[in-house]
PDB file of all heavy atoms in Angstrom:
ATOM      1  N   GLY A   1       0.845  -1.199  -0.038  1.00  0.00           N
ATOM      2  CA  GLY A   1       0.021   0.044  -0.022  1.00  0.00           C
ATOM      3  C   GLY A   1       0.832   1.312  -0.079  1.00  0.00           C
ATOM      4  O   GLY A   1       0.246   2.368  -0.156  1.00  0.00           O
ATOM      5  N   ALA A   2       2.060   1.154   0.161  1.00  0.00           N
ATOM      6  CA  ALA A   2       2.959   2.295   0.201  1.00  0.00           C
ATOM      7  C   ALA A   2       3.728   2.406  -1.038  1.00  0.00           C
ATOM      8  O   ALA A   2       4.294   1.453  -1.739  1.00  0.00           O
ATOM      9  CB  ALA A   2       3.915   2.392   1.385  1.00  0.00           C
ATOM     10  N   GLU A   3       3.727   3.679  -1.608  1.00  0.00           N
ATOM     11  CA  GLU A   3       4.516   3.890  -2.957  1.00  0.00           C
ATOM     12  C   GLU A   3       5.836   4.382  -2.646  1.00  0.00           C
ATOM     13  O   GLU A   3       6.075   5.163  -1.734  1.00  0.00           O
ATOM     14  CB  GLU A   3       3.784   4.949  -3.855  1.00  0.00           C
ATOM     15  CG  GLU A   3       4.208   5.169  -5.181  1.00  0.00           C
ATOM     16  CD  GLU A   3       3.279   6.011  -5.947  1.00  0.00           C
ATOM     17  OE1 GLU A   3       2.189   5.593  -6.347  1.00  0.00           O
ATOM     18  OE2 GLU A   3       3.647   7.125  -6.228  1.00  0.00           O
ATOM     19  N   TYR A   4       6.843   3.783  -3.410  1.00  0.00           N
ATOM     20  CA  TYR A   4       8.196   4.385  -3.134  1.00  0.00           C
ATOM     21  C   TYR A   4       9.072   4.162  -4.540  1.00  0.00           C
ATOM     22  O   TYR A   4       8.609   3.576  -5.391  1.00  0.00           O
ATOM     23  CB  TYR A   4       9.049   3.490  -2.018  1.00  0.00           C
ATOM     24  CG  TYR A   4       9.152   2.019  -2.441  1.00  0.00           C
ATOM     25  CD1 TYR A   4      10.358   1.523  -2.892  1.00  0.00           C
ATOM     26  CD2 TYR A   4       8.169   0.992  -2.299  1.00  0.00           C
ATOM     27  CE1 TYR A   4      10.656   0.331  -3.217  1.00  0.00           C
ATOM     28  CE2 TYR A   4       8.403  -0.295  -2.655  1.00  0.00           C
ATOM     29  CZ  TYR A   4       9.601  -0.605  -3.190  1.00  0.00           C
ATOM     30  OH  TYR A   4       9.782  -1.962  -3.449  1.00  0.00           O
ATOM     31  N   PHE A   5      10.027   5.076  -4.531  1.00  0.00           N
ATOM     32  CA  PHE A   5      10.771   5.274  -5.731  1.00  0.00           C
ATOM     33  C   PHE A   5      12.064   4.277  -5.715  1.00  0.00           C
ATOM     34  O   PHE A   5      12.742   4.458  -4.751  1.00  0.00           O
ATOM     35  CB  PHE A   5      11.080   6.702  -5.840  1.00  0.00           C
ATOM     36  CG  PHE A   5      11.896   6.980  -7.134  1.00  0.00           C
ATOM     37  CD1 PHE A   5      11.107   7.050  -8.352  1.00  0.00           C
ATOM     38  CD2 PHE A   5      13.182   7.296  -7.167  1.00  0.00           C
ATOM     39  CE1 PHE A   5      11.791   7.277  -9.530  1.00  0.00           C
ATOM     40  CE2 PHE A   5      13.935   7.540  -8.392  1.00  0.00           C
ATOM     41  CZ  PHE A   5      13.121   7.570  -9.577  1.00  0.00           C
ATOM     42  N   VAL A   6      12.226   3.591  -6.731  1.00  0.00           N
ATOM     43  CA  VAL A   6      13.457   2.716  -7.000  1.00  0.00           C
ATOM     44  C   VAL A   6      14.436   3.425  -7.872  1.00  0.00           C
ATOM     45  O   VAL A   6      13.952   3.484  -9.102  1.00  0.00           O
ATOM     46  CB  VAL A   6      13.071   1.384  -7.472  1.00  0.00           C
ATOM     47  CG1 VAL A   6      14.281   0.418  -7.550  1.00  0.00           C
ATOM     48  CG2 VAL A   6      12.113   0.710  -6.366  1.00  0.00           C
ATOM     49  N   ASP A   7      15.461   4.007  -7.543  1.00  0.00           N
ATOM     50  CA  ASP A   7      16.235   4.721  -8.489  1.00  0.00           C
ATOM     51  C   ASP A   7      17.342   3.913  -9.082  1.00  0.00           C
ATOM     52  O   ASP A   7      17.914   4.198 -10.079  1.00  0.00           O
ATOM     53  CB  ASP A   7      16.748   6.021  -7.858  1.00  0.00           C
ATOM     54  CG  ASP A   7      17.639   5.877  -6.552  1.00  0.00           C
ATOM     55  OD1 ASP A   7      17.612   4.627  -6.030  1.00  0.00           O
ATOM     56  OD2 ASP A   7      18.275   6.640  -6.138  1.00  0.00           O
ATOM     57  N   LEU A   8      17.716   2.847  -8.437  1.00  0.00           N
ATOM     58  CA  LEU A   8      18.751   1.934  -9.031  1.00  0.00           C
ATOM     59  C   LEU A   8      18.189   0.602  -9.240  1.00  0.00           C
ATOM     60  O   LEU A   8      17.707  -0.095  -8.519  1.00  0.00           O
ATOM     61  CB  LEU A   8      19.846   1.696  -8.009  1.00  0.00           C
ATOM     62  CG  LEU A   8      20.690   2.940  -7.573  1.00  0.00           C
ATOM     63  CD1 LEU A   8      21.808   2.585  -6.543  1.00  0.00           C
ATOM     64  CD2 LEU A   8      21.409   3.530  -8.813  1.00  0.00           C
ATOM     65  N   ILE A   9      18.172   0.255 -10.663  1.00  0.00           N
ATOM     66  CA  ILE A   9      17.434  -0.819 -11.078  1.00  0.00           C
ATOM     67  C   ILE A   9      18.401  -2.033 -11.124  1.00  0.00           C
ATOM     68  O   ILE A   9      19.587  -1.911 -11.647  1.00  0.00           O
ATOM     69  CB  ILE A   9      16.956  -0.674 -12.630  1.00  0.00           C
ATOM     70  CG1 ILE A   9      16.262   0.737 -12.642  1.00  0.00           C
ATOM     71  CG2 ILE A   9      16.144  -1.880 -13.152  1.00  0.00           C
ATOM     72  CD1 ILE A   9      14.960   0.809 -11.894  1.00  0.00           C
ATOM     73  N   PRO A  10      18.019  -3.241 -10.702  1.00  0.00           N
ATOM     74  CA  PRO A  10      18.913  -4.492 -10.736  1.00  0.00           C
ATOM     75  C   PRO A  10      19.216  -4.870 -12.178  1.00  0.00           C
ATOM     76  O   PRO A  10      18.143  -4.946 -12.993  1.00  0.00           O
ATOM     77  CB  PRO A  10      18.192  -5.476  -9.976  1.00  0.00           C
ATOM     78  CG  PRO A  10      16.893  -4.939  -9.398  1.00  0.00           C
ATOM     79  CD  PRO A  10      16.741  -3.606 -10.037  1.00  0.00           C
ATOM     80  N   LYS A  11      20.503  -5.122 -12.470  1.00  0.00           N
ATOM     81  CA  LYS A  11      20.674  -5.514 -13.813  1.00  0.00           C
ATOM     82  C   LYS A  11      21.891  -6.609 -13.630  1.00  0.00           C
ATOM     83  O   LYS A  11      22.431  -6.885 -12.670  1.00  0.00           O
ATOM     84  CB  LYS A  11      21.363  -4.377 -14.719  1.00  0.00           C
ATOM     85  CG  LYS A  11      20.391  -3.266 -14.986  1.00  0.00           C
ATOM     86  CD  LYS A  11      19.424  -3.496 -16.027  1.00  0.00           C
ATOM     87  CE  LYS A  11      18.601  -2.340 -16.202  1.00  0.00           C
ATOM     88  NZ  LYS A  11      17.738  -2.412 -17.379  1.00  0.00           N
ATOM     89  N   LEU A  12      22.243  -7.193 -14.810  1.00  0.00           N
ATOM     90  CA  LEU A  12      23.384  -8.241 -14.851  1.00  0.00           C
ATOM     91  C   LEU A  12      24.472  -7.598 -15.827  1.00  0.00           C
ATOM     92  O   LEU A  12      24.117  -7.057 -16.874  1.00  0.00           O
ATOM     93  CB  LEU A  12      23.001  -9.526 -15.343  1.00  0.00           C
ATOM     94  CG  LEU A  12      22.172 -10.344 -14.535  1.00  0.00           C
ATOM     95  CD1 LEU A  12      21.694 -11.715 -15.039  1.00  0.00           C
ATOM     96  CD2 LEU A  12      22.657 -10.520 -12.992  1.00  0.00           C
ATOM     97  N   LYS A  13      25.657  -7.709 -15.388  1.00  0.00           N
ATOM     98  CA  LYS A  13      26.814  -7.302 -16.411  1.00  0.00           C
ATOM     99  C   LYS A  13      27.502  -8.561 -16.771  1.00  0.00           C
ATOM    100  O   LYS A  13      27.958  -9.342 -15.876  1.00  0.00           O
ATOM    101  CB  LYS A  13      27.705  -6.448 -15.523  1.00  0.00           C
ATOM    102  CG  LYS A  13      28.901  -5.981 -16.330  1.00  0.00           C
ATOM    103  CD  LYS A  13      29.834  -5.033 -15.449  1.00  0.00           C
ATOM    104  CE  LYS A  13      31.086  -4.685 -16.044  1.00  0.00           C
ATOM    105  NZ  LYS A  13      31.971  -3.877 -15.173  1.00  0.00           N
ATOM    106  N   LEU A  14      27.527  -8.745 -18.063  1.00  0.00           N
ATOM    107  CA  LEU A  14      28.356  -9.931 -18.653  1.00  0.00           C
ATOM    108  C   LEU A  14      29.575  -9.406 -19.192  1.00  0.00           C
ATOM    109  O   LEU A  14      29.608  -8.330 -19.868  1.00  0.00           O
ATOM    110  CB  LEU A  14      27.499 -10.532 -19.844  1.00  0.00           C
ATOM    111  CG  LEU A  14      26.095 -10.937 -19.562  1.00  0.00           C
ATOM    112  CD1 LEU A  14      25.482 -11.339 -20.945  1.00  0.00           C
ATOM    113  CD2 LEU A  14      25.869 -12.045 -18.551  1.00  0.00           C
ATOM    114  N   GLU A  15      30.603 -10.203 -18.990  1.00  0.00           N
ATOM    115  CA  GLU A  15      31.996  -9.773 -19.539  1.00  0.00           C
ATOM    116  C   GLU A  15      32.449 -10.989 -20.365  1.00  0.00           C
ATOM    117  O   GLU A  15      32.634 -12.065 -19.817  1.00  0.00           O
ATOM    118  CB  GLU A  15      32.938  -9.444 -18.491  1.00  0.00           C
ATOM    119  CG  GLU A  15      32.545  -8.263 -17.585  1.00  0.00           C
ATOM    120  CD  GLU A  15      33.393  -7.901 -16.500  1.00  0.00           C
ATOM    121  OE1 GLU A  15      34.584  -7.294 -16.732  1.00  0.00           O
ATOM    122  OE2 GLU A  15      33.180  -8.447 -15.416  1.00  0.00           O
ATOM    123  N   VAL A  16      32.803 -10.707 -21.557  1.00  0.00           N
ATOM    124  CA  VAL A  16      33.208 -11.801 -22.601  1.00  0.00           C
ATOM    125  C   VAL A  16      34.537 -11.216 -23.254  1.00  0.00           C
ATOM    126  O   VAL A  16      34.386 -10.180 -23.906  1.00  0.00           O
ATOM    127  CB  VAL A  16      32.200 -12.233 -23.505  1.00  0.00           C
ATOM    128  CG1 VAL A  16      32.667 -13.405 -24.379  1.00  0.00           C
ATOM    129  CG2 VAL A  16      31.033 -12.590 -22.854  1.00  0.00           C
ATOM    130  N   VAL A  17      35.591 -12.130 -23.401  1.00  0.00           N
ATOM    131  CA  VAL A  17      36.657 -11.669 -24.266  1.00  0.00           C
ATOM    132  C   VAL A  17      36.681 -12.487 -25.450  1.00  0.00           C
ATOM    133  O   VAL A  17      36.522 -13.820 -25.407  1.00  0.00           O
ATOM    134  CB  VAL A  17      38.079 -11.841 -23.574  1.00  0.00           C
ATOM    135  CG1 VAL A  17      39.089 -11.442 -24.507  1.00  0.00           C
ATOM    136  CG2 VAL A  17      37.982 -10.903 -22.278  1.00  0.00           C
ATOM    137  N   VAL A  18      36.599 -11.801 -26.630  1.00  0.00           N
ATOM    138  CA  VAL A  18      36.402 -12.630 -27.882  1.00  0.00           C
ATOM    139  C   VAL A  18      37.555 -12.194 -28.878  1.00  0.00           C
ATOM    140  O   VAL A  18      38.049 -11.121 -28.830  1.00  0.00           O
ATOM    141  CB  VAL A  18      35.088 -12.284 -28.594  1.00  0.00           C
ATOM    142  CG1 VAL A  18      33.943 -12.669 -27.642  1.00  0.00           C
ATOM    143  CG2 VAL A  18      34.884 -10.788 -28.877  1.00  0.00           C
ATOM    144  N   PRO A  19      37.940 -13.152 -29.810  1.00  0.00           N
ATOM    145  CA  PRO A  19      38.878 -12.840 -30.885  1.00  0.00           C
ATOM    146  C   PRO A  19      38.270 -11.780 -31.766  1.00  0.00           C
ATOM    147  O   PRO A  19      37.058 -11.626 -31.837  1.00  0.00           O
ATOM    148  CB  PRO A  19      39.026 -14.095 -31.598  1.00  0.00           C
ATOM    149  CG  PRO A  19      38.484 -15.235 -30.751  1.00  0.00           C
ATOM    150  CD  PRO A  19      37.519 -14.596 -29.743  1.00  0.00           C
ATOM    151  N   GLU A  20      39.174 -11.078 -32.343  1.00  0.00           N
ATOM    152  CA  GLU A  20      38.658  -9.819 -33.165  1.00  0.00           C
ATOM    153  C   GLU A  20      37.694 -10.356 -34.271  1.00  0.00           C
ATOM    154  O   GLU A  20      36.776  -9.557 -34.498  1.00  0.00           O
ATOM    155  CB  GLU A  20      39.954  -9.206 -33.863  1.00  0.00           C
ATOM    156  CG  GLU A  20      39.723  -7.811 -34.420  1.00  0.00           C
ATOM    157  CD  GLU A  20      39.630  -6.820 -33.374  1.00  0.00           C
ATOM    158  OE1 GLU A  20      40.314  -6.739 -32.357  1.00  0.00           O
ATOM    159  OE2 GLU A  20      38.738  -5.846 -33.629  1.00  0.00           O
ATOM    160  N   GLY A  21      37.954 -11.359 -34.915  1.00  0.00           N
ATOM    161  CA  GLY A  21      37.137 -11.807 -36.012  1.00  0.00           C
ATOM    162  C   GLY A  21      35.740 -12.249 -35.631  1.00  0.00           C
ATOM    163  O   GLY A  21      34.873 -12.455 -36.539  1.00  0.00           O
ATOM    164  N   ARG A  22      35.538 -12.510 -34.346  1.00  0.00           N
ATOM    165  CA  ARG A  22      34.143 -13.020 -33.918  1.00  0.00           C
ATOM    166  C   ARG A  22      33.433 -11.851 -33.135  1.00  0.00           C
ATOM    167  O   ARG A  22      32.336 -12.091 -32.694  1.00  0.00           O
ATOM    168  CB  ARG A  22      34.328 -14.195 -33.045  1.00  0.00           C
ATOM    169  CG  ARG A  22      35.219 -15.236 -33.749  1.00  0.00           C
ATOM    170  CD  ARG A  22      35.360 -16.570 -32.989  1.00  0.00           C
ATOM    171  NE  ARG A  22      34.032 -17.171 -33.223  1.00  0.00           N
ATOM    172  CZ  ARG A  22      33.579 -18.298 -32.490  1.00  0.00           C
ATOM    173  NH1 ARG A  22      34.450 -18.830 -31.641  1.00  0.00           N
ATOM    174  NH2 ARG A  22      32.529 -18.830 -32.616  1.00  0.00           N
ATOM    175  N   LEU A  23      33.903 -10.628 -33.187  1.00  0.00           N
ATOM    176  CA  LEU A  23      33.323  -9.594 -32.424  1.00  0.00           C
ATOM    177  C   LEU A  23      31.998  -9.237 -32.989  1.00  0.00           C
ATOM    178  O   LEU A  23      30.918  -9.142 -32.152  1.00  0.00           O
ATOM    179  CB  LEU A  23      34.300  -8.379 -32.433  1.00  0.00           C
ATOM    180  CG  LEU A  23      33.532  -7.171 -31.796  1.00  0.00           C
ATOM    181  CD1 LEU A  23      33.366  -7.298 -30.268  1.00  0.00           C
ATOM    182  CD2 LEU A  23      34.563  -5.938 -31.920  1.00  0.00           C
ATOM    183  N   ASP A  24      31.799  -9.115 -34.235  1.00  0.00           N
ATOM    184  CA  ASP A  24      30.512  -8.710 -34.759  1.00  0.00           C
ATOM    185  C   ASP A  24      29.419  -9.839 -34.523  1.00  0.00           C
ATOM    186  O   ASP A  24      28.281  -9.486 -34.208  1.00  0.00           O
ATOM    187  CB  ASP A  24      30.558  -8.556 -36.336  1.00  0.00           C
ATOM    188  CG  ASP A  24      31.429  -7.273 -36.707  1.00  0.00           C
ATOM    189  OD1 ASP A  24      31.566  -6.351 -35.830  1.00  0.00           O
ATOM    190  OD2 ASP A  24      31.933  -7.117 -37.812  1.00  0.00           O
ATOM    191  N   ALA A  25      29.682 -11.091 -34.612  1.00  0.00           N
ATOM    192  CA  ALA A  25      28.795 -12.200 -34.344  1.00  0.00           C
ATOM    193  C   ALA A  25      28.332 -12.168 -32.964  1.00  0.00           C
ATOM    194  O   ALA A  25      27.175 -12.302 -32.572  1.00  0.00           O
ATOM    195  CB  ALA A  25      29.278 -13.446 -34.796  1.00  0.00           C
ATOM    196  N   CYS A  26      29.365 -11.830 -32.004  1.00  0.00           N
ATOM    197  CA  CYS A  26      29.065 -11.731 -30.591  1.00  0.00           C
ATOM    198  C   CYS A  26      28.219 -10.664 -30.269  1.00  0.00           C
ATOM    199  O   CYS A  26      27.249 -10.803 -29.482  1.00  0.00           O
ATOM    200  CB  CYS A  26      30.441 -11.654 -29.786  1.00  0.00           C
ATOM    201  SG  CYS A  26      30.278 -11.337 -28.044  1.00  0.00           S
ATOM    202  N   LEU A  27      28.420  -9.419 -30.904  1.00  0.00           N
ATOM    203  CA  LEU A  27      27.585  -8.370 -30.657  1.00  0.00           C
ATOM    204  C   LEU A  27      26.110  -8.588 -31.044  1.00  0.00           C
ATOM    205  O   LEU A  27      25.150  -8.072 -30.502  1.00  0.00           O
ATOM    206  CB  LEU A  27      28.219  -7.045 -31.306  1.00  0.00           C
ATOM    207  CG  LEU A  27      29.485  -6.560 -30.663  1.00  0.00           C
ATOM    208  CD1 LEU A  27      29.978  -5.344 -31.393  1.00  0.00           C
ATOM    209  CD2 LEU A  27      29.249  -6.172 -29.227  1.00  0.00           C
ATOM    210  N   GLU A  28      25.998  -9.074 -32.310  1.00  0.00           N
ATOM    211  CA  GLU A  28      24.758  -9.359 -32.768  1.00  0.00           C
ATOM    212  C   GLU A  28      23.968 -10.340 -31.962  1.00  0.00           C
ATOM    213  O   GLU A  28      22.711 -10.277 -31.707  1.00  0.00           O
ATOM    214  CB  GLU A  28      24.842  -9.935 -34.224  1.00  0.00           C
ATOM    215  CG  GLU A  28      23.537 -10.121 -35.016  1.00  0.00           C
ATOM    216  CD  GLU A  28      23.638 -10.611 -36.347  1.00  0.00           C
ATOM    217  OE1 GLU A  28      24.664 -10.293 -36.973  1.00  0.00           O
ATOM    218  OE2 GLU A  28      22.704 -11.194 -36.839  1.00  0.00           O
ATOM    219  N   ALA A  29      24.697 -11.404 -31.472  1.00  0.00           N
ATOM    220  CA  ALA A  29      24.043 -12.497 -30.664  1.00  0.00           C
ATOM    221  C   ALA A  29      23.478 -11.832 -29.376  1.00  0.00           C
ATOM    222  O   ALA A  29      22.386 -12.179 -28.942  1.00  0.00           O
ATOM    223  CB  ALA A  29      24.945 -13.552 -30.425  1.00  0.00           C
ATOM    224  N   ILE A  30      24.270 -11.055 -28.769  1.00  0.00           N
ATOM    225  CA  ILE A  30      23.914 -10.410 -27.472  1.00  0.00           C
ATOM    226  C   ILE A  30      22.785  -9.384 -27.661  1.00  0.00           C
ATOM    227  O   ILE A  30      21.803  -9.448 -26.908  1.00  0.00           O
ATOM    228  CB  ILE A  30      25.116  -9.644 -26.894  1.00  0.00           C
ATOM    229  CG1 ILE A  30      26.151 -10.617 -26.267  1.00  0.00           C
ATOM    230  CG2 ILE A  30      24.592  -8.721 -25.643  1.00  0.00           C
ATOM    231  CD1 ILE A  30      27.471  -9.888 -25.893  1.00  0.00           C
ATOM    232  N   THR A  31      22.797  -8.615 -28.669  1.00  0.00           N
ATOM    233  CA  THR A  31      21.783  -7.717 -29.017  1.00  0.00           C
ATOM    234  C   THR A  31      20.440  -8.348 -29.362  1.00  0.00           C
ATOM    235  O   THR A  31      19.348  -7.926 -28.741  1.00  0.00           O
ATOM    236  CB  THR A  31      22.153  -6.818 -30.214  1.00  0.00           C
ATOM    237  OG1 THR A  31      23.491  -6.152 -29.957  1.00  0.00           O
ATOM    238  CG2 THR A  31      21.150  -5.780 -30.574  1.00  0.00           C
ATOM    239  N   GLU A  32      20.391  -9.390 -30.096  1.00  0.00           N
ATOM    240  CA  GLU A  32      19.180 -10.112 -30.421  1.00  0.00           C
ATOM    241  C   GLU A  32      18.563 -10.885 -29.227  1.00  0.00           C
ATOM    242  O   GLU A  32      17.451 -10.840 -29.099  1.00  0.00           O
ATOM    243  CB  GLU A  32      19.429 -11.002 -31.613  1.00  0.00           C
ATOM    244  CG  GLU A  32      19.699 -10.332 -32.881  1.00  0.00           C
ATOM    245  CD  GLU A  32      18.558  -9.417 -33.410  1.00  0.00           C
ATOM    246  OE1 GLU A  32      17.422  -9.936 -33.305  1.00  0.00           O
ATOM    247  OE2 GLU A  32      18.844  -8.337 -33.835  1.00  0.00           O
ATOM    248  N   ALA A  33      19.388 -11.465 -28.400  1.00  0.00           N
ATOM    249  CA  ALA A  33      19.028 -12.224 -27.287  1.00  0.00           C
ATOM    250  C   ALA A  33      18.558 -11.347 -26.133  1.00  0.00           C
ATOM    251  O   ALA A  33      17.585 -11.676 -25.437  1.00  0.00           O
ATOM    252  CB  ALA A  33      20.048 -13.199 -26.782  1.00  0.00           C
ATOM    253  N   ALA A  34      19.048 -10.169 -25.988  1.00  0.00           N
ATOM    254  CA  ALA A  34      18.717  -9.353 -24.851  1.00  0.00           C
ATOM    255  C   ALA A  34      17.660  -8.236 -25.118  1.00  0.00           C
ATOM    256  O   ALA A  34      17.024  -7.693 -24.114  1.00  0.00           O
ATOM    257  CB  ALA A  34      19.975  -8.609 -24.352  1.00  0.00           C
ATOM    258  N   ARG A  35      17.290  -8.108 -26.384  1.00  0.00           N
ATOM    259  CA  ARG A  35      16.408  -7.089 -26.708  1.00  0.00           C
ATOM    260  C   ARG A  35      14.920  -7.520 -26.420  1.00  0.00           C
ATOM    261  O   ARG A  35      14.473  -8.552 -26.750  1.00  0.00           O
ATOM    262  CB  ARG A  35      16.397  -6.822 -28.255  1.00  0.00           C
ATOM    263  CG  ARG A  35      15.456  -5.774 -28.674  1.00  0.00           C
ATOM    264  CD  ARG A  35      15.535  -5.423 -30.151  1.00  0.00           C
ATOM    265  NE  ARG A  35      16.796  -4.869 -30.536  1.00  0.00           N
ATOM    266  CZ  ARG A  35      17.526  -5.037 -31.613  1.00  0.00           C
ATOM    267  NH1 ARG A  35      17.103  -6.082 -32.269  1.00  0.00           N
ATOM    268  NH2 ARG A  35      18.713  -4.444 -31.832  1.00  0.00           N
TER     269      ARG A  35
END
C-alpha cells in the first residue's frame, strides 16, 4: 500500500573476451537475445 521510488534498477553485467574476427557475431548475438 505504500508507494516508493526505486532509483537503482537491478541488472546483470556480462563480460566476454572474444577474438577480433568474432566480435560482430558476438555483438549481434547479445543484441538479439537481450532485446
